[in-house]
Amino acid sequence: MCFDMRFERTALYADENGFKVFTSSMGVSRWKDMEQVNESGRRAASRYPDLIYWVYNWRKKNGSQRMIEIAKREHFYQQEYCGCAHSLREINQKRKAQGHDMVKIGEKYYQDGQESKL
């Protein structure tokens, strides 16, 4: 449902702004089911006759590792959950069970190969 809501909004935006193709890099994450992501994108695009969801395997050629390297080099914010309250609750339950600190929203990013706080 989460993917569907995001893709529906993205497809609407694409249609309203004259874009013919849209895609997502959500499938690069090893934690996501790439087919589930792509199917959700296809469904959203199918509501608009001239809109195409571009299916691309972002994981090929070490895409996941490349994403991490770029994120560290460019100091991109990265989080350990998808962004919804359900996912945050789930990751914090796992972290607590493993004796780790809870995730704090907006505090994690990578800098020069080291985890840092904003």
Protein backbone atom coordinates (compact mmCIF):
# COMPACT_ATOMS: atom_id res chain seq x y z
CA MET A 1 0.00 0.00 0.00
CA CYS A 2 2.86 2.37 0.82
CA PHE A 3 4.45 1.97 -2.62
CA ASP A 4 1.06 2.35 -4.29
CA MET A 5 0.35 5.65 -2.53
CA ARG A 6 3.76 7.06 -3.45
CA PHE A 7 3.56 5.92 -7.06
CA GLU A 8 -0.01 7.15 -7.50
CA ARG A 9 1.07 10.64 -6.46
CA THR A 10 4.18 10.47 -8.66
CA ALA A 11 2.15 9.32 -11.68
CA LEU A 12 -0.35 12.12 -11.15
CA TYR A 13 2.45 14.68 -10.95
CA ALA A 14 4.08 13.25 -14.08
CA ASP A 15 0.80 13.39 -15.99
CA GLU A 16 -0.06 16.91 -14.86
CA ASN A 17 3.39 18.17 -15.82
CA GLY A 18 3.71 16.51 -19.21
CA PHE A 19 6.23 13.82 -18.32
CA LYS A 20 5.92 10.69 -20.46
CA VAL A 21 8.10 8.37 -18.35
CA PHE A 22 8.85 8.01 -14.66
CA THR A 23 10.80 5.51 -12.59
CA SER A 24 12.04 4.94 -9.07
CA SER A 25 15.33 4.05 -7.48
CA MET A 26 13.54 2.39 -4.51
CA GLY A 27 14.44 -0.99 -6.00
CA VAL A 28 18.15 -0.38 -5.42
CA SER A 29 17.72 -1.21 -1.75
CA ARG A 30 18.39 -4.84 -0.91
CA TRP A 31 15.60 -4.52 1.67
CA LYS A 32 12.94 -3.90 -0.97
CA ASP A 33 11.26 -6.48 -3.21
CA MET A 34 12.17 -5.09 -6.62
CA GLU A 35 9.26 -6.81 -8.37
CA GLN A 36 6.83 -5.38 -5.82
CA VAL A 37 8.25 -1.88 -6.41
CA ASN A 38 8.07 -2.23 -10.19
CA GLU A 39 4.57 -3.70 -10.17
CA SER A 40 3.35 -0.78 -8.09
CA GLY A 41 4.92 1.65 -10.56
CA ARG A 42 3.32 -0.14 -13.50
CA ARG A 43 -0.10 -0.01 -11.83
CA ALA A 44 0.17 3.72 -11.20
CA ALA A 45 1.26 4.43 -14.78
CA SER A 46 -1.58 2.34 -16.20
CA ARG A 47 -4.10 4.94 -15.00
CA TYR A 48 -2.72 7.46 -17.50
CA PRO A 49 -2.84 6.55 -21.21
CA ASP A 50 0.38 8.30 -22.24
CA LEU A 51 2.47 7.52 -19.16
CA ILE A 52 5.11 4.78 -18.91
CA TYR A 53 6.77 3.41 -15.79
CA TRP A 54 10.37 2.62 -16.76
CA VAL A 55 11.43 -0.68 -15.22
CA TYR A 56 15.15 -0.71 -14.51
CA ASN A 57 17.25 -3.05 -12.39
CA TRP A 58 19.16 -0.57 -10.26
CA ARG A 59 20.95 -3.43 -8.49
CA LYS A 60 22.83 -4.74 -11.52
CA LYS A 61 26.53 -3.96 -11.79
CA ASN A 62 26.75 -3.50 -7.98
CA GLY A 63 24.14 -0.71 -7.95
CA SER A 64 23.40 -1.10 -4.24
CA GLN A 65 27.06 -0.79 -3.31
CA ARG A 66 27.49 2.16 -5.68
CA MET A 67 24.51 3.88 -4.05
CA ILE A 68 26.14 3.55 -0.61
CA GLU A 69 29.48 4.86 -1.91
CA ILE A 70 27.84 7.89 -3.54
CA ALA A 71 25.76 8.58 -0.44
CA LYS A 72 28.87 8.58 1.73
CA ARG A 73 30.92 10.69 -0.67
CA GLU A 74 28.15 13.25 -1.23
CA HIS A 75 27.03 13.28 2.42
CA PHE A 76 23.49 12.19 1.55
CA TYR A 77 21.05 11.53 4.32
CA GLN A 78 20.29 7.83 4.70
CA GLN A 79 17.86 6.17 7.03
CA GLU A 80 17.36 2.60 8.14
CA TYR A 81 13.65 2.48 7.36
CA CYS A 82 11.41 3.34 4.41
CA GLY A 83 9.98 6.48 5.95
CA CYS A 84 6.60 5.40 7.28
CA ALA A 85 5.65 5.08 10.95
CA HIS A 86 5.19 1.30 10.63
CA SER A 87 8.70 0.80 9.30
CA LEU A 88 10.21 3.09 11.95
CA ARG A 89 8.43 1.13 14.69
CA GLU A 90 9.64 -2.17 13.19
CA ILE A 91 13.31 -1.11 12.90
CA ASN A 92 13.27 0.30 16.44
CA GLN A 93 11.84 -2.97 17.80
CA LYS A 94 14.65 -4.88 16.05
CA ARG A 95 17.32 -2.44 17.25
CA LYS A 96 16.01 -2.58 20.83
CA ALA A 97 15.99 -6.40 20.77
CA GLN A 98 19.63 -6.34 19.61
CA GLY A 99 20.65 -3.84 22.30
CA HIS A 100 21.16 -0.94 19.86
CA ASP A 101 20.02 2.66 20.23
CA MET A 102 16.69 3.60 18.68
CA VAL A 103 16.68 5.37 15.31
CA LYS A 104 16.27 9.11 15.68
CA ILE A 105 14.50 10.71 12.74
CA GLY A 106 16.74 12.90 10.60
CA GLU A 107 20.00 12.23 12.42
CA LYS A 108 21.78 9.64 10.33
CA TYR A 109 23.97 10.32 7.35
CA TYR A 110 27.35 9.12 6.16
CA GLN A 111 30.43 11.28 5.90
CA ASP A 112 33.92 10.28 4.78
CA GLY A 113 33.18 6.62 5.40
CA GLN A 114 32.01 7.21 8.95
CA GLU A 115 28.49 7.37 10.32
CA SER A 116 27.79 10.88 11.58
CA LYS A 117 24.97 12.91 13.04
CA LEU A 118 23.52 16.09 11.55
